[in-house]
């Protein structure tokens, strides 16, 4: 998402409301949830072996961040969306 972005306007003529998406990536050894925010943001959570996880139609990563786009936390804090 950092290079190519994602989605676009969710409503015709409204480019400020963009898609948010969630993905589960897993193999026999490990699993990750990756969620997007805005056109270029993302955050990742690692799922511990033996644990389970689901995703739905909303942002679900609340704690235990494994990684995120550089500068995302600062941008969210500037907007008053996190500490």
N, C-alpha and C. Protein backbone atom coordinates (compact mmCIF):
# COMPACT_ATOMS: atom_id res chain seq x y z
N UNK A 1 0.81 -1.20 0.00
CA UNK A 1 0.00 0.00 0.00
C UNK A 1 0.85 1.26 0.00
N UNK A 2 2.06 1.19 0.54
CA UNK A 2 2.90 2.38 0.55
C UNK A 2 3.27 2.82 -0.86
N UNK A 3 3.51 1.89 -1.75
CA UNK A 3 3.94 2.22 -3.11
C UNK A 3 2.76 2.52 -4.02
N UNK A 4 1.74 1.67 -4.02
CA UNK A 4 0.66 1.78 -4.99
C UNK A 4 -0.64 2.33 -4.42
N UNK A 5 -0.72 2.44 -3.10
CA UNK A 5 -1.97 2.89 -2.50
C UNK A 5 -3.02 1.80 -2.59
N UNK A 6 -4.24 2.15 -2.22
CA UNK A 6 -5.32 1.19 -2.29
C UNK A 6 -6.62 1.92 -2.53
N UNK A 7 -7.58 1.18 -3.02
CA UNK A 7 -8.94 1.67 -3.15
C UNK A 7 -9.07 2.97 -3.90
N UNK A 8 -9.73 3.87 -3.31
CA UNK A 8 -10.05 5.16 -3.88
C UNK A 8 -11.23 5.67 -3.10
N UNK A 9 -11.90 6.65 -3.64
CA UNK A 9 -13.06 7.17 -2.95
C UNK A 9 -14.16 6.11 -2.82
N UNK A 10 -14.75 5.99 -1.64
CA UNK A 10 -15.85 5.04 -1.43
C UNK A 10 -17.15 5.56 -2.02
N UNK A 11 -17.21 6.85 -2.23
CA UNK A 11 -18.40 7.45 -2.82
C UNK A 11 -17.98 8.31 -4.00
N UNK A 12 -18.76 8.29 -5.02
CA UNK A 12 -18.43 9.08 -6.21
C UNK A 12 -18.28 10.55 -5.83
N UNK A 13 -17.15 11.11 -6.21
CA UNK A 13 -16.88 12.52 -5.93
C UNK A 13 -16.38 12.80 -4.53
N UNK A 14 -16.17 11.79 -3.70
CA UNK A 14 -15.67 11.99 -2.34
C UNK A 14 -14.37 11.21 -2.18
N UNK A 15 -13.25 11.85 -2.45
CA UNK A 15 -11.96 11.16 -2.38
C UNK A 15 -11.41 11.11 -0.96
N UNK A 16 -12.06 11.77 0.02
CA UNK A 16 -11.57 11.76 1.40
C UNK A 16 -12.01 10.51 2.16
N UNK A 17 -13.02 9.82 1.70
CA UNK A 17 -13.51 8.61 2.37
C UNK A 17 -12.99 7.42 1.58
N UNK A 18 -11.93 6.78 2.09
CA UNK A 18 -11.27 5.71 1.35
C UNK A 18 -11.49 4.37 2.03
N UNK A 19 -11.28 3.32 1.27
CA UNK A 19 -11.46 1.96 1.77
C UNK A 19 -10.43 1.61 2.83
N UNK A 20 -10.87 0.85 3.82
CA UNK A 20 -10.01 0.22 4.82
C UNK A 20 -10.17 -1.28 4.60
N UNK A 21 -9.09 -2.02 4.63
CA UNK A 21 -9.15 -3.45 4.37
C UNK A 21 -8.36 -4.23 5.41
N UNK A 22 -8.73 -5.48 5.60
CA UNK A 22 -8.01 -6.36 6.49
C UNK A 22 -7.69 -7.66 5.77
N UNK A 23 -6.53 -8.21 6.08
CA UNK A 23 -6.07 -9.44 5.43
C UNK A 23 -5.49 -10.38 6.49
N UNK A 24 -5.69 -11.66 6.30
CA UNK A 24 -5.03 -12.69 7.09
C UNK A 24 -4.02 -13.39 6.19
N UNK A 25 -2.78 -13.44 6.61
CA UNK A 25 -1.73 -14.16 5.89
C UNK A 25 -1.24 -15.26 6.82
N UNK A 26 -1.22 -16.49 6.35
CA UNK A 26 -0.80 -17.59 7.22
C UNK A 26 -0.17 -18.70 6.41
N UNK A 27 0.75 -19.40 7.06
CA UNK A 27 1.28 -20.64 6.53
C UNK A 27 1.31 -21.63 7.69
N UNK A 28 2.00 -22.73 7.55
CA UNK A 28 2.02 -23.76 8.59
C UNK A 28 2.79 -23.32 9.83
N UNK A 29 3.55 -22.23 9.74
CA UNK A 29 4.42 -21.82 10.84
C UNK A 29 3.91 -20.57 11.57
N UNK A 30 3.39 -19.60 10.85
CA UNK A 30 3.00 -18.35 11.49
C UNK A 30 1.84 -17.68 10.74
N UNK A 31 1.24 -16.69 11.40
CA UNK A 31 0.12 -15.96 10.79
C UNK A 31 0.19 -14.49 11.18
N UNK A 32 -0.33 -13.65 10.32
CA UNK A 32 -0.36 -12.21 10.55
C UNK A 32 -1.70 -11.65 10.10
N UNK A 33 -2.17 -10.63 10.81
CA UNK A 33 -3.28 -9.80 10.35
C UNK A 33 -2.65 -8.50 9.87
N UNK A 34 -3.00 -8.07 8.68
CA UNK A 34 -2.55 -6.78 8.15
C UNK A 34 -3.80 -5.97 7.85
N UNK A 35 -3.86 -4.77 8.43
CA UNK A 35 -4.99 -3.88 8.18
C UNK A 35 -4.49 -2.59 7.56
N UNK A 36 -5.25 -2.08 6.61
CA UNK A 36 -4.88 -0.84 5.95
C UNK A 36 -5.68 0.31 6.54
N UNK A 37 -5.12 1.49 6.43
CA UNK A 37 -5.81 2.70 6.90
C UNK A 37 -5.45 3.83 5.95
N UNK A 38 -6.47 4.39 5.34
CA UNK A 38 -6.23 5.43 4.35
C UNK A 38 -5.60 4.84 3.11
N UNK A 39 -5.19 5.70 2.21
CA UNK A 39 -4.67 5.18 0.94
C UNK A 39 -3.29 4.52 1.05
N UNK A 40 -2.49 4.84 2.09
CA UNK A 40 -1.13 4.30 2.14
C UNK A 40 -0.71 3.74 3.50
N UNK A 41 -1.58 3.75 4.48
CA UNK A 41 -1.21 3.28 5.81
C UNK A 41 -1.47 1.80 6.02
N UNK A 42 -0.77 1.20 6.96
CA UNK A 42 -0.98 -0.20 7.30
C UNK A 42 -0.43 -0.49 8.69
N UNK A 43 -0.99 -1.51 9.34
CA UNK A 43 -0.50 -2.01 10.62
C UNK A 43 -0.59 -3.53 10.58
N UNK A 44 0.30 -4.18 11.35
CA UNK A 44 0.39 -5.65 11.31
C UNK A 44 0.42 -6.21 12.73
N UNK A 45 -0.30 -7.30 12.92
CA UNK A 45 -0.31 -8.03 14.17
C UNK A 45 0.11 -9.47 13.90
N UNK A 46 1.04 -9.98 14.69
CA UNK A 46 1.47 -11.38 14.56
C UNK A 46 0.59 -12.23 15.46
N UNK A 47 0.10 -13.33 14.94
CA UNK A 47 -0.72 -14.26 15.71
C UNK A 47 0.18 -15.37 16.23
N UNK A 48 0.21 -15.54 17.51
CA UNK A 48 1.09 -16.53 18.13
C UNK A 48 0.71 -17.94 17.69
N UNK A 49 1.68 -18.84 17.57
CA UNK A 49 1.37 -20.23 17.22
C UNK A 49 0.35 -20.82 18.20
N UNK A 50 -0.63 -21.52 17.67
CA UNK A 50 -1.67 -22.13 18.48
C UNK A 50 -2.84 -21.21 18.80
N UNK A 51 -2.68 -19.90 18.52
CA UNK A 51 -3.76 -18.95 18.77
C UNK A 51 -4.66 -18.88 17.53
N UNK A 52 -5.79 -18.26 17.69
CA UNK A 52 -6.69 -18.08 16.55
C UNK A 52 -7.10 -16.63 16.47
N UNK A 53 -7.60 -16.23 15.32
CA UNK A 53 -7.96 -14.82 15.08
C UNK A 53 -8.94 -14.76 13.94
N UNK A 54 -9.83 -13.81 13.97
CA UNK A 54 -10.71 -13.56 12.83
C UNK A 54 -10.70 -12.05 12.54
N UNK A 55 -11.18 -11.70 11.38
CA UNK A 55 -11.30 -10.29 11.02
C UNK A 55 -12.70 -10.09 10.44
N UNK A 56 -13.16 -8.86 10.44
CA UNK A 56 -14.49 -8.58 9.92
C UNK A 56 -14.47 -7.23 9.22
N UNK A 57 -15.57 -6.50 9.32
CA UNK A 57 -15.71 -5.25 8.58
C UNK A 57 -15.29 -4.01 9.36
N UNK A 58 -14.33 -4.14 10.21
CA UNK A 58 -13.85 -2.99 10.97
C UNK A 58 -12.42 -3.21 11.39
N UNK A 59 -11.76 -2.13 11.73
CA UNK A 59 -10.38 -2.25 12.23
C UNK A 59 -10.39 -3.06 13.52
N UNK A 60 -9.50 -4.02 13.63
CA UNK A 60 -9.52 -4.91 14.79
C UNK A 60 -8.20 -4.96 15.53
N UNK A 61 -7.13 -4.43 14.98
CA UNK A 61 -5.85 -4.42 15.69
C UNK A 61 -5.91 -3.30 16.72
N UNK A 62 -5.89 -3.67 17.97
CA UNK A 62 -5.98 -2.69 19.05
C UNK A 62 -4.70 -2.63 19.86
N UNK A 63 -4.05 -3.76 20.04
CA UNK A 63 -2.84 -3.87 20.86
C UNK A 63 -1.90 -4.82 20.14
N UNK A 64 -0.78 -5.06 20.74
CA UNK A 64 0.16 -6.06 20.24
C UNK A 64 0.57 -5.81 18.78
N UNK A 65 0.88 -4.57 18.45
CA UNK A 65 1.34 -4.28 17.10
C UNK A 65 2.68 -4.96 16.85
N UNK A 66 2.78 -5.63 15.75
CA UNK A 66 4.03 -6.26 15.33
C UNK A 66 4.84 -5.25 14.52
N UNK A 67 4.16 -4.49 13.66
CA UNK A 67 4.83 -3.50 12.82
C UNK A 67 3.77 -2.55 12.26
N UNK A 68 4.19 -1.39 11.80
CA UNK A 68 3.28 -0.45 11.15
C UNK A 68 4.08 0.47 10.24
N UNK A 69 3.39 1.13 9.36
CA UNK A 69 4.03 2.06 8.45
C UNK A 69 4.79 3.11 9.27
N UNK A 70 5.99 3.42 8.85
CA UNK A 70 6.79 4.44 9.53
C UNK A 70 6.02 5.75 9.56
N UNK A 71 5.94 6.37 10.73
CA UNK A 71 5.27 7.65 10.90
C UNK A 71 3.78 7.57 11.12
N UNK A 72 3.19 6.37 11.07
CA UNK A 72 1.74 6.25 11.22
C UNK A 72 1.28 6.64 12.61
N UNK A 73 1.97 6.17 13.64
CA UNK A 73 1.57 6.50 15.02
C UNK A 73 1.57 8.02 15.23
N UNK A 74 2.58 8.69 14.74
CA UNK A 74 2.67 10.15 14.89
C UNK A 74 1.53 10.85 14.15
N UNK A 75 1.19 10.35 12.97
CA UNK A 75 0.09 10.94 12.21
C UNK A 75 -1.24 10.74 12.93
N UNK A 76 -1.46 9.56 13.49
CA UNK A 76 -2.70 9.31 14.23
C UNK A 76 -2.77 10.17 15.49
N UNK A 77 -1.64 10.33 16.17
CA UNK A 77 -1.61 11.19 17.37
C UNK A 77 -1.91 12.64 17.00
N UNK A 78 -1.36 13.10 15.89
CA UNK A 78 -1.60 14.46 15.44
C UNK A 78 -3.09 14.68 15.19
N UNK A 79 -3.78 13.66 14.74
CA UNK A 79 -5.21 13.76 14.47
C UNK A 79 -6.06 13.47 15.71
N UNK A 80 -5.39 13.16 16.85
CA UNK A 80 -6.11 12.86 18.08
C UNK A 80 -6.73 11.49 18.13
N UNK A 81 -6.22 10.56 17.30
CA UNK A 81 -6.79 9.21 17.22
C UNK A 81 -6.04 8.18 18.05
N UNK A 82 -4.91 8.54 18.65
CA UNK A 82 -4.17 7.66 19.56
C UNK A 82 -3.28 8.51 20.45
N UNK A 83 -2.70 7.86 21.45
CA UNK A 83 -1.79 8.57 22.38
C UNK A 83 -0.44 8.78 21.74
